[in-house]
Amino acid sequence: MTRPQPSTATATARQLMITAERLFAEHGLAGVSLRQIASEAGSANSSAVHYHFGSKEGLVEAIVAHRVADLAQRRTLLKARLDPDDLRQRLEAHLLPVIELAESPDSHYVSFLDQLNRGGRWRDVLPRQREVTQAQEEFLADMRRLLPEVEEPVRTMRIGQVQAFTLNAAAERERARAAGDEVMPFGLFVTTLVDGFAGYVRAPVSDGARRFLTLPQPPPQPLVHF
């Protein structure tokens, strides 16, 4: 079979990714067939996904790689502007790029990530992206430095909950906007979230919680990456 010219292949692959991102966001990975993606992307070839990406897993990884570069660039810009000793600013620099993406009319990426998270599939995809892993490691290192008074495993548990809640809240907002529902003004949404998170992660560990820390602890669960 003759392969299409590079410009055609790129345009077709991009349309397949955009369509798949939307369908996966709406129905989950298991609820969408490759034939359905090709059809809704306007491809006459029902095997278009196999041709361009090899498999559904390859398509999922391509969607993530397509979005990760912009997220990494935005995080780098925000980090360059912040006070490195300001906890709230550091939280916002890490979380805001994902929240902002939920505002984009041509993106369903946050809801797509939410579906990956619900199914546990993010562990198979996101850690393979160097930019995602690097951003996560730098964020955790900064949180350890800025929150020395919050002992482990409480600190890491709180950080994981903040990331999971951010993803869920942004995905709900993205879905509401897509449905035409009225949503809170963006600035208020972001400041309310980040203010709450800053207070939560730095809250003193209670004596009651410390008593539980003396009990045997299960192995730490991987934190959601984005």
Protein backbone atom coordinates (compact mmCIF):
# COMPACT_ATOMS: atom_id res chain seq x y z
CA MET A 1 0.00 0.00 0.00
CA THR A 2 1.33 3.44 -0.93
CA ARG A 3 1.78 5.67 2.10
CA PRO A 4 0.33 9.20 1.93
CA GLN A 5 2.59 12.21 1.55
CA PRO A 6 3.96 13.54 4.91
CA SER A 7 1.63 16.56 5.02
CA THR A 8 -1.41 14.36 4.39
CA ALA A 9 -0.26 11.75 6.90
CA THR A 10 0.30 14.44 9.54
CA ALA A 11 -3.10 16.04 8.97
CA THR A 12 -4.87 12.68 9.06
CA ALA A 13 -3.02 11.53 12.18
CA ARG A 14 -3.81 14.80 13.94
CA GLN A 15 -7.51 14.51 13.09
CA LEU A 16 -7.55 10.94 14.37
CA MET A 17 -5.93 12.06 17.65
CA ILE A 18 -8.34 14.96 18.16
CA THR A 19 -11.33 12.74 17.44
CA ALA A 20 -10.07 9.91 19.64
CA GLU A 21 -9.34 12.31 22.49
CA ARG A 22 -12.95 13.51 22.41
CA LEU A 23 -14.46 10.04 22.14
CA PHE A 24 -12.24 8.59 24.86
CA ALA A 25 -13.12 11.55 27.09
CA GLU A 26 -16.83 10.95 26.56
CA HIS A 27 -16.98 7.14 26.63
CA GLY A 28 -13.73 5.83 28.10
CA LEU A 29 -11.12 3.77 26.30
CA ALA A 30 -13.11 0.55 26.41
CA GLY A 31 -16.22 2.24 25.05
CA VAL A 32 -14.73 3.34 21.73
CA SER A 33 -13.65 1.20 18.79
CA LEU A 34 -10.90 2.07 16.33
CA ARG A 35 -13.42 1.81 13.50
CA GLN A 36 -15.61 4.40 15.25
CA ILE A 37 -12.66 6.77 15.63
CA ALA A 38 -11.76 6.48 11.95
CA SER A 39 -15.37 7.02 10.90
CA GLU A 40 -15.92 10.11 13.06
CA ALA A 41 -12.56 11.51 11.96
CA GLY A 42 -13.83 11.40 8.39
CA SER A 43 -11.45 8.71 7.21
CA ALA A 44 -12.60 6.41 4.43
CA ASN A 45 -10.14 3.79 5.68
CA SER A 46 -11.47 1.86 8.68
CA SER A 47 -7.90 0.73 9.44
CA ALA A 48 -6.55 4.29 9.60
CA VAL A 49 -5.69 4.09 13.31
CA HIS A 50 -3.69 0.89 12.80
CA TYR A 51 -1.92 2.47 9.85
CA HIS A 52 -0.87 5.64 11.69
CA PHE A 53 -0.48 4.42 15.30
CA GLY A 54 -0.32 0.64 15.23
CA SER A 55 -2.90 0.05 17.97
CA LYS A 56 -5.26 1.72 20.41
CA GLU A 57 -2.41 1.86 22.94
CA GLY A 58 -0.21 3.59 20.37
CA LEU A 59 -2.97 6.11 19.71
CA VAL A 60 -3.38 6.83 23.43
CA GLU A 61 0.37 7.43 23.79
CA ALA A 62 0.32 9.73 20.75
CA ILE A 63 -2.49 11.81 22.26
CA VAL A 64 -0.52 12.24 25.47
CA ALA A 65 2.70 13.10 23.63
CA HIS A 66 0.78 15.63 21.52
CA ARG A 67 -0.39 17.54 24.62
CA VAL A 68 2.56 17.07 26.97
CA ALA A 69 4.96 19.36 25.11
CA ASP A 70 2.67 22.39 25.51
CA LEU A 71 2.02 21.58 29.17
CA ALA A 72 5.76 21.32 29.85
CA GLN A 73 6.45 24.62 28.10
CA ARG A 74 3.74 26.39 30.10
CA ARG A 75 5.06 24.96 33.39
CA THR A 76 8.58 26.10 32.56
CA LEU A 77 7.33 29.63 31.93
CA LEU A 78 5.33 29.76 35.18
CA LYS A 79 8.23 28.36 37.22
CA ALA A 80 10.57 31.01 35.82
CA ARG A 81 8.28 33.74 37.18
CA LEU A 82 7.61 32.42 40.67
CA ASP A 83 9.25 32.96 44.03
CA PRO A 84 10.86 29.53 44.64
CA ASP A 85 10.06 29.77 48.36
CA ASP A 86 6.35 30.53 47.88
CA LEU A 87 4.32 27.35 48.36
CA ARG A 88 1.15 28.69 46.78
CA GLN A 89 2.94 29.91 43.67
CA ARG A 90 4.66 26.54 43.27
CA LEU A 91 1.35 24.70 43.52
CA GLU A 92 -0.21 27.00 40.94
CA ALA A 93 2.72 26.63 38.53
CA HIS A 94 2.29 22.86 38.54
CA LEU A 95 -1.51 22.67 38.44
CA LEU A 96 -2.53 25.68 36.35
CA PRO A 97 -1.42 24.38 32.91
CA VAL A 98 -3.79 21.41 33.20
CA ILE A 99 -6.64 23.59 34.49
CA GLU A 100 -6.07 26.05 31.62
CA LEU A 101 -6.22 23.27 29.06
CA ALA A 102 -9.74 22.45 30.21
CA GLU A 103 -10.74 25.93 28.97
CA SER A 104 -9.59 25.28 25.41
CA PRO A 105 -12.54 24.77 23.03
CA ASP A 106 -10.58 22.32 20.86
CA SER A 107 -9.38 20.14 23.73
CA HIS A 108 -10.92 17.24 25.64
CA TYR A 109 -7.58 16.25 27.10
CA VAL A 110 -8.38 16.77 30.78
CA SER A 111 -11.49 14.59 30.58
CA PHE A 112 -9.42 12.07 28.62
CA LEU A 113 -6.84 12.04 31.45
CA ASP A 114 -9.65 11.67 33.96
CA GLN A 115 -10.81 8.56 32.12
CA LEU A 116 -7.25 7.19 32.14
CA ASN A 117 -7.06 7.85 35.86
CA ARG A 118 -10.38 6.16 36.62
CA GLY A 119 -9.33 3.04 34.76
CA GLY A 120 -5.81 3.02 36.19
CA ARG A 121 -4.46 3.20 32.64
CA TRP A 122 -2.37 6.32 33.30
CA ARG A 123 0.29 4.08 34.89
CA ASP A 124 0.83 2.46 31.49
CA VAL A 125 1.17 5.72 29.57
CA LEU A 126 2.09 8.90 31.44
CA PRO A 127 5.27 7.74 33.24
CA ARG A 128 6.75 6.94 29.81
CA GLN A 129 6.66 10.62 28.89
CA ARG A 130 9.93 12.18 30.03
CA GLU A 131 8.43 15.66 30.41
CA VAL A 132 5.66 14.34 32.66
CA THR A 133 8.01 12.32 34.87
CA GLN A 134 10.49 15.19 35.15
CA ALA A 135 7.77 17.69 36.09
CA GLN A 136 6.41 15.30 38.72
CA GLU A 137 9.83 14.66 40.25
CA GLU A 138 10.65 18.38 40.40
CA PHE A 139 7.26 19.15 41.94
CA LEU A 140 7.63 16.48 44.63
CA ALA A 141 11.15 17.67 45.44
CA ASP A 142 9.92 21.24 45.85
CA MET A 143 7.02 20.11 48.04
CA ARG A 144 9.41 18.22 50.30
CA ARG A 145 11.58 21.33 50.58
CA LEU A 146 8.65 23.68 51.21
CA LEU A 147 6.78 21.39 53.62
CA PRO A 148 9.47 20.02 55.96
CA GLU A 149 7.07 20.17 58.92
CA VAL A 150 4.61 17.72 57.32
CA GLU A 151 6.02 14.25 57.81
CA GLU A 152 5.75 11.31 55.48
CA PRO A 153 3.62 9.56 54.38
CA VAL A 154 1.11 12.34 55.10
CA ARG A 155 2.87 14.85 52.85
CA THR A 156 2.93 12.60 49.80
CA MET A 157 -0.65 11.46 50.42
CA ARG A 158 -1.85 15.07 50.50
CA ILE A 159 0.04 15.93 47.32
CA GLY A 160 -1.51 12.95 45.56
CA GLN A 161 -4.98 13.98 46.69
CA VAL A 162 -4.39 17.53 45.47
CA GLN A 163 -3.38 16.28 42.03
CA ALA A 164 -6.29 13.84 41.80
CA PHE A 165 -8.79 16.50 42.92
CA THR A 166 -7.38 19.01 40.42
CA LEU A 167 -7.80 16.53 37.58
CA ASN A 168 -11.34 15.66 38.62
CA ALA A 169 -12.43 19.28 39.15
CA ALA A 170 -10.93 20.46 35.85
CA ALA A 171 -12.49 17.52 33.98
CA GLU A 172 -15.91 18.28 35.44
CA ARG A 173 -15.52 21.90 34.36
CA GLU A 174 -14.41 20.84 30.87
CA ARG A 175 -17.45 18.57 30.51
CA ALA A 176 -19.78 21.29 31.78
CA ARG A 177 -18.40 23.79 29.27
CA ALA A 178 -18.74 21.26 26.45
CA ALA A 179 -22.38 20.75 27.42
CA GLY A 180 -23.02 24.49 27.38
CA ASP A 181 -23.59 24.70 31.13
CA GLU A 182 -22.76 27.84 33.08
CA VAL A 183 -19.53 27.60 35.07
CA MET A 184 -17.77 29.68 37.71
CA PRO A 185 -15.55 32.48 36.34
CA PHE A 186 -12.15 31.00 35.56
CA GLY A 187 -10.13 33.27 37.85
CA LEU A 188 -12.36 32.50 40.82
CA PHE A 189 -12.25 28.78 40.03
CA VAL A 190 -8.44 28.72 39.97
CA THR A 191 -7.82 30.91 43.01
CA THR A 192 -10.37 29.01 45.10
CA LEU A 193 -8.77 25.68 44.23
CA VAL A 194 -5.18 26.77 44.79
CA ASP A 195 -5.96 28.69 48.00
CA GLY A 196 -7.68 25.60 49.39
CA PHE A 197 -4.85 23.31 48.34
CA ALA A 198 -2.21 25.56 49.90
CA GLY A 199 -4.04 25.48 53.21
CA TYR A 200 -4.60 21.73 53.02
CA VAL A 201 -1.04 20.63 52.28
CA ARG A 202 0.49 22.83 55.00
CA ALA A 203 -2.08 22.01 57.71
CA PRO A 204 -0.48 20.62 60.90
CA VAL A 205 -0.56 16.86 61.28
CA SER A 206 -2.86 16.12 64.22
CA ASP A 207 -1.96 13.93 67.18
CA GLY A 208 -4.67 11.55 66.05
CA ALA A 209 -3.06 11.18 62.63
CA ARG A 210 0.35 10.65 64.23
CA ARG A 211 -1.02 7.73 66.24
CA PHE A 212 -2.06 6.05 63.00
CA LEU A 213 1.41 6.63 61.58
CA THR A 214 2.79 4.22 64.17
CA LEU A 215 0.79 1.38 62.60
CA PRO A 216 2.14 -0.74 59.72
CA GLN A 217 1.68 1.15 56.46
CA PRO A 218 0.83 -0.36 53.06
CA PRO A 219 3.22 0.26 50.16
CA PRO A 220 2.79 3.79 48.78
CA GLN A 221 0.48 4.07 45.79
CA PRO A 222 1.78 5.76 42.62
CA LEU A 223 0.70 9.38 42.37
CA VAL A 224 -1.35 10.57 39.42
CA HIS A 225 0.93 12.16 36.80
CA PHE A 226 -0.13 14.92 34.43
